[in-house]
Amino acid sequence: MASDKVLEFNDINFADEVLASDKPVLVDFTASWCGPCRQLAPIIDQVAETLGEEAKVGKLDIDASPLTAGKYGIRGVPTVMVFKNGEKADQHIGLTTKSKLLELVRG
């Protein structure tokens, strides 16, 4: 079951939701056709539940939002980026663990 804490980011709301956020934001760059992305989805849900109000967690479909994906040079999915104060602070490419994602956000 998908978490209601996982937001949907896109080309239209990215600046407001991610770059203007006063909290860290974890963005899962994903695609519907990507197998490893589907494997990562429940982990992203768990991260959102664990972080609660500490940070925002959301997904961005690279096919639906090509401008944002292109701006950040997304070449492979899943790619997870953490933004702090409007800047990319960290990233991980490929399938990963909940503990690694929490480390990225809190690190």
N, C-alpha and C. Protein backbone atom coordinates (compact mmCIF):
# COMPACT_ATOMS: atom_id res chain seq x y z
N MET A 1 0.83 -1.19 0.00
CA MET A 1 0.00 0.00 0.00
C MET A 1 0.87 1.26 0.00
N ALA A 2 0.60 2.16 -0.89
CA ALA A 2 1.38 3.39 -0.99
C ALA A 2 1.09 4.31 0.19
N SER A 3 2.13 4.98 0.63
CA SER A 3 1.98 5.91 1.75
C SER A 3 1.34 7.21 1.28
N ASP A 4 0.44 7.76 2.08
CA ASP A 4 -0.13 9.05 1.72
C ASP A 4 0.84 10.19 2.04
N LYS A 5 2.00 9.86 2.62
CA LYS A 5 3.01 10.86 2.90
C LYS A 5 3.93 11.10 1.70
N VAL A 6 3.86 10.22 0.68
CA VAL A 6 4.70 10.38 -0.50
C VAL A 6 4.00 11.32 -1.48
N LEU A 7 4.65 12.43 -1.76
CA LEU A 7 4.09 13.47 -2.62
C LEU A 7 4.38 13.17 -4.08
N GLU A 8 3.64 13.83 -4.96
CA GLU A 8 3.89 13.73 -6.40
C GLU A 8 4.50 15.05 -6.86
N PHE A 9 5.74 14.98 -7.35
CA PHE A 9 6.39 16.17 -7.88
C PHE A 9 6.33 16.11 -9.41
N ASN A 10 6.36 17.30 -10.05
CA ASN A 10 6.36 17.37 -11.51
C ASN A 10 7.01 18.68 -11.95
N ASP A 11 7.08 18.87 -13.27
CA ASP A 11 7.72 20.08 -13.80
C ASP A 11 7.05 21.35 -13.27
N ILE A 12 5.75 21.29 -13.00
CA ILE A 12 5.01 22.48 -12.59
C ILE A 12 5.23 22.83 -11.12
N ASN A 13 5.22 21.83 -10.24
CA ASN A 13 5.31 22.14 -8.80
C ASN A 13 6.70 21.96 -8.20
N PHE A 14 7.69 21.54 -8.98
CA PHE A 14 9.02 21.21 -8.44
C PHE A 14 9.66 22.39 -7.70
N ALA A 15 9.62 23.56 -8.30
CA ALA A 15 10.26 24.73 -7.68
C ALA A 15 9.60 25.05 -6.33
N ASP A 16 8.27 25.04 -6.28
CA ASP A 16 7.56 25.36 -5.04
C ASP A 16 7.71 24.27 -3.99
N GLU A 17 7.51 23.02 -4.39
CA GLU A 17 7.49 21.92 -3.43
C GLU A 17 8.89 21.50 -2.97
N VAL A 18 9.87 21.55 -3.87
CA VAL A 18 11.20 21.03 -3.56
C VAL A 18 12.19 22.15 -3.29
N LEU A 19 12.38 23.02 -4.27
CA LEU A 19 13.43 24.04 -4.14
C LEU A 19 13.11 25.09 -3.09
N ALA A 20 11.83 25.40 -2.89
CA ALA A 20 11.44 26.42 -1.90
C ALA A 20 11.15 25.82 -0.52
N SER A 21 11.33 24.53 -0.36
CA SER A 21 11.01 23.88 0.91
C SER A 21 11.97 24.29 2.02
N ASP A 22 11.43 24.47 3.23
CA ASP A 22 12.30 24.79 4.37
C ASP A 22 12.79 23.51 5.06
N LYS A 23 12.37 22.35 4.55
CA LYS A 23 12.82 21.05 5.08
C LYS A 23 13.60 20.34 3.99
N PRO A 24 14.43 19.36 4.37
CA PRO A 24 15.06 18.53 3.33
C PRO A 24 13.97 17.83 2.52
N VAL A 25 14.26 17.59 1.23
CA VAL A 25 13.31 16.91 0.36
C VAL A 25 14.02 15.76 -0.35
N LEU A 26 13.46 14.56 -0.21
CA LEU A 26 13.96 13.40 -0.93
C LEU A 26 13.09 13.22 -2.16
N VAL A 27 13.72 13.22 -3.34
CA VAL A 27 12.99 13.07 -4.59
C VAL A 27 13.40 11.76 -5.26
N ASP A 28 12.42 10.90 -5.49
CA ASP A 28 12.63 9.64 -6.19
C ASP A 28 12.29 9.87 -7.66
N PHE A 29 13.33 9.98 -8.51
CA PHE A 29 13.11 10.09 -9.95
C PHE A 29 12.83 8.68 -10.46
N THR A 30 11.65 8.48 -11.03
CA THR A 30 11.16 7.14 -11.33
C THR A 30 10.50 7.10 -12.69
N ALA A 31 10.12 5.90 -13.12
CA ALA A 31 9.38 5.73 -14.37
C ALA A 31 8.51 4.48 -14.25
N SER A 32 7.35 4.53 -14.88
CA SER A 32 6.39 3.43 -14.76
C SER A 32 6.93 2.12 -15.34
N TRP A 33 7.81 2.20 -16.33
CA TRP A 33 8.34 1.01 -17.01
C TRP A 33 9.56 0.42 -16.31
N CYS A 34 10.01 1.02 -15.23
CA CYS A 34 11.28 0.66 -14.58
C CYS A 34 11.04 -0.36 -13.46
N GLY A 35 11.55 -1.58 -13.64
CA GLY A 35 11.41 -2.64 -12.64
C GLY A 35 12.01 -2.29 -11.29
N PRO A 36 13.30 -1.87 -11.26
CA PRO A 36 13.91 -1.50 -9.97
C PRO A 36 13.17 -0.34 -9.28
N CYS A 37 12.53 0.54 -10.07
CA CYS A 37 11.74 1.63 -9.48
C CYS A 37 10.56 1.07 -8.69
N ARG A 38 9.93 0.04 -9.27
CA ARG A 38 8.80 -0.59 -8.58
C ARG A 38 9.26 -1.28 -7.30
N GLN A 39 10.48 -1.83 -7.31
CA GLN A 39 11.04 -2.46 -6.11
C GLN A 39 11.35 -1.41 -5.04
N LEU A 40 11.75 -0.22 -5.50
CA LEU A 40 12.12 0.85 -4.56
C LEU A 40 10.89 1.51 -3.95
N ALA A 41 9.76 1.48 -4.64
CA ALA A 41 8.55 2.19 -4.20
C ALA A 41 8.16 1.91 -2.75
N PRO A 42 8.08 0.64 -2.30
CA PRO A 42 7.71 0.41 -0.90
C PRO A 42 8.75 0.93 0.09
N ILE A 43 10.01 0.96 -0.34
CA ILE A 43 11.09 1.49 0.52
C ILE A 43 10.90 3.00 0.67
N ILE A 44 10.56 3.67 -0.43
CA ILE A 44 10.29 5.12 -0.39
C ILE A 44 9.12 5.39 0.56
N ASP A 45 8.08 4.55 0.48
CA ASP A 45 6.93 4.69 1.38
C ASP A 45 7.37 4.59 2.84
N GLN A 46 8.22 3.60 3.14
CA GLN A 46 8.70 3.41 4.52
C GLN A 46 9.52 4.61 4.99
N VAL A 47 10.35 5.14 4.10
CA VAL A 47 11.18 6.31 4.43
C VAL A 47 10.27 7.50 4.76
N ALA A 48 9.22 7.69 3.96
CA ALA A 48 8.28 8.80 4.20
C ALA A 48 7.61 8.64 5.56
N GLU A 49 7.20 7.42 5.88
CA GLU A 49 6.56 7.17 7.17
C GLU A 49 7.53 7.43 8.32
N THR A 50 8.78 6.98 8.17
CA THR A 50 9.78 7.14 9.22
C THR A 50 10.14 8.61 9.45
N LEU A 51 10.31 9.35 8.35
CA LEU A 51 10.71 10.76 8.47
C LEU A 51 9.58 11.65 8.97
N GLY A 52 8.35 11.32 8.63
CA GLY A 52 7.22 12.11 9.08
C GLY A 52 7.37 13.57 8.68
N GLU A 53 7.33 14.46 9.68
CA GLU A 53 7.42 15.90 9.43
C GLU A 53 8.86 16.40 9.29
N GLU A 54 9.81 15.50 9.50
CA GLU A 54 11.23 15.89 9.45
C GLU A 54 11.68 16.30 8.05
N ALA A 55 11.06 15.71 7.03
CA ALA A 55 11.44 15.98 5.64
C ALA A 55 10.27 15.66 4.72
N LYS A 56 10.34 16.19 3.50
CA LYS A 56 9.36 15.82 2.47
C LYS A 56 9.92 14.67 1.66
N VAL A 57 9.04 13.78 1.22
CA VAL A 57 9.43 12.67 0.36
C VAL A 57 8.45 12.62 -0.80
N GLY A 58 8.99 12.51 -2.02
CA GLY A 58 8.10 12.46 -3.16
C GLY A 58 8.73 11.79 -4.36
N LYS A 59 7.89 11.55 -5.35
CA LYS A 59 8.32 10.91 -6.60
C LYS A 59 8.13 11.88 -7.75
N LEU A 60 9.01 11.74 -8.74
CA LEU A 60 8.86 12.51 -9.97
C LEU A 60 9.00 11.54 -11.14
N ASP A 61 7.96 11.41 -11.94
CA ASP A 61 7.99 10.53 -13.12
C ASP A 61 8.76 11.24 -14.23
N ILE A 62 9.90 10.64 -14.63
CA ILE A 62 10.76 11.32 -15.61
C ILE A 62 10.11 11.46 -16.98
N ASP A 63 9.18 10.57 -17.31
CA ASP A 63 8.49 10.67 -18.60
C ASP A 63 7.45 11.78 -18.59
N ALA A 64 6.80 11.96 -17.45
CA ALA A 64 5.77 12.99 -17.32
C ALA A 64 6.38 14.37 -17.07
N SER A 65 7.61 14.40 -16.56
CA SER A 65 8.27 15.67 -16.22
C SER A 65 9.69 15.71 -16.78
N PRO A 66 9.81 15.72 -18.10
CA PRO A 66 11.14 15.65 -18.72
C PRO A 66 12.01 16.88 -18.49
N LEU A 67 11.40 18.03 -18.25
CA LEU A 67 12.21 19.25 -18.05
C LEU A 67 13.02 19.15 -16.76
N THR A 68 12.38 18.75 -15.67
CA THR A 68 13.07 18.63 -14.39
C THR A 68 14.09 17.50 -14.44
N ALA A 69 13.71 16.36 -15.02
CA ALA A 69 14.65 15.24 -15.13
C ALA A 69 15.88 15.65 -15.93
N GLY A 70 15.67 16.40 -17.02
CA GLY A 70 16.78 16.87 -17.84
C GLY A 70 17.66 17.87 -17.12
N LYS A 71 17.04 18.77 -16.37
CA LYS A 71 17.78 19.79 -15.64
C LYS A 71 18.77 19.17 -14.66
N TYR A 72 18.37 18.04 -14.04
CA TYR A 72 19.24 17.40 -13.06
C TYR A 72 20.01 16.22 -13.63
N GLY A 73 20.01 16.09 -14.97
CA GLY A 73 20.84 15.10 -15.64
C GLY A 73 20.50 13.66 -15.32
N ILE A 74 19.23 13.38 -15.14
CA ILE A 74 18.82 12.01 -14.82
C ILE A 74 19.02 11.14 -16.05
N ARG A 75 19.93 10.17 -15.96
CA ARG A 75 20.20 9.27 -17.07
C ARG A 75 19.72 7.86 -16.79
N GLY A 76 19.58 7.52 -15.53
CA GLY A 76 19.11 6.19 -15.15
C GLY A 76 18.15 6.30 -13.99
N VAL A 77 17.19 5.39 -13.95
CA VAL A 77 16.26 5.37 -12.83
C VAL A 77 16.28 3.98 -12.21
N PRO A 78 16.05 3.87 -10.92
CA PRO A 78 15.72 4.98 -10.02
C PRO A 78 16.96 5.79 -9.64
N THR A 79 16.77 7.10 -9.59
CA THR A 79 17.77 8.01 -9.02
C THR A 79 17.07 8.75 -7.89
N VAL A 80 17.68 8.75 -6.73
CA VAL A 80 17.13 9.47 -5.58
C VAL A 80 18.04 10.64 -5.28
N MET A 81 17.46 11.83 -5.20
CA MET A 81 18.23 13.03 -4.84
C MET A 81 17.64 13.65 -3.59
N VAL A 82 18.53 14.23 -2.79
CA VAL A 82 18.10 14.96 -1.61
C VAL A 82 18.43 16.43 -1.84
N PHE A 83 17.44 17.28 -1.64
CA PHE A 83 17.61 18.72 -1.79
C PHE A 83 17.51 19.37 -0.42
N LYS A 84 18.44 20.28 -0.15
CA LYS A 84 18.40 21.06 1.09
C LYS A 84 18.62 22.53 0.73
N ASN A 85 17.75 23.38 1.22
CA ASN A 85 17.85 24.82 0.95
C ASN A 85 17.90 25.13 -0.55
N GLY A 86 17.11 24.39 -1.33
CA GLY A 86 17.01 24.66 -2.75
C GLY A 86 18.14 24.11 -3.59
N GLU A 87 19.07 23.39 -2.98
CA GLU A 87 20.22 22.85 -3.70
C GLU A 87 20.27 21.34 -3.58
N LYS A 88 20.79 20.68 -4.61
CA LYS A 88 21.00 19.24 -4.53
C LYS A 88 22.10 18.98 -3.51
N ALA A 89 21.79 18.21 -2.48
CA ALA A 89 22.76 17.94 -1.42
C ALA A 89 23.41 16.57 -1.57
N ASP A 90 22.67 15.61 -2.12
CA ASP A 90 23.19 14.25 -2.24
C ASP A 90 22.35 13.48 -3.24
N GLN A 91 22.88 12.34 -3.70
CA GLN A 91 22.10 11.50 -4.60
C GLN A 91 22.57 10.06 -4.53
N HIS A 92 21.69 9.16 -4.94
CA HIS A 92 22.01 7.74 -5.06
C HIS A 92 21.33 7.24 -6.32
N ILE A 93 22.08 6.50 -7.14
CA ILE A 93 21.52 5.94 -8.37
C ILE A 93 21.37 4.44 -8.18
N GLY A 94 20.18 3.94 -8.50
CA GLY A 94 19.92 2.51 -8.41
C GLY A 94 19.14 2.14 -7.15
N LEU A 95 18.82 0.86 -7.06
CA LEU A 95 18.07 0.34 -5.92
C LEU A 95 18.91 0.47 -4.66
N THR A 96 18.29 0.81 -3.55
CA THR A 96 19.02 0.99 -2.30
C THR A 96 18.15 0.61 -1.12
N THR A 97 18.67 0.83 0.07
CA THR A 97 17.96 0.42 1.29
C THR A 97 17.35 1.62 2.00
N LYS A 98 16.42 1.31 2.88
CA LYS A 98 15.80 2.35 3.70
C LYS A 98 16.86 3.08 4.53
N SER A 99 17.77 2.34 5.14
CA SER A 99 18.77 2.97 6.00
C SER A 99 19.68 3.91 5.20
N LYS A 100 20.02 3.55 3.97
CA LYS A 100 20.86 4.41 3.12
C LYS A 100 20.12 5.70 2.77
N LEU A 101 18.81 5.58 2.47
CA LEU A 101 18.03 6.78 2.14
C LEU A 101 17.88 7.69 3.35
N LEU A 102 17.66 7.10 4.52
CA LEU A 102 17.55 7.92 5.74
C LEU A 102 18.87 8.64 6.01
N GLU A 103 19.96 7.95 5.76
CA GLU A 103 21.31 8.54 5.93
C GLU A 103 21.51 9.72 4.98
N LEU A 104 21.03 9.58 3.73
CA LEU A 104 21.14 10.67 2.75
C LEU A 104 20.41 11.91 3.22
N VAL A 105 19.19 11.71 3.76
CA VAL A 105 18.38 12.84 4.19
C VAL A 105 18.95 13.48 5.46
N ARG A 106 19.35 12.65 6.40
CA ARG A 106 19.78 13.15 7.70
C ARG A 106 21.26 13.54 7.73
N GLY A 107 22.02 13.03 6.76
CA GLY A 107 23.47 13.24 6.75
C GLY A 107 23.89 14.57 6.51
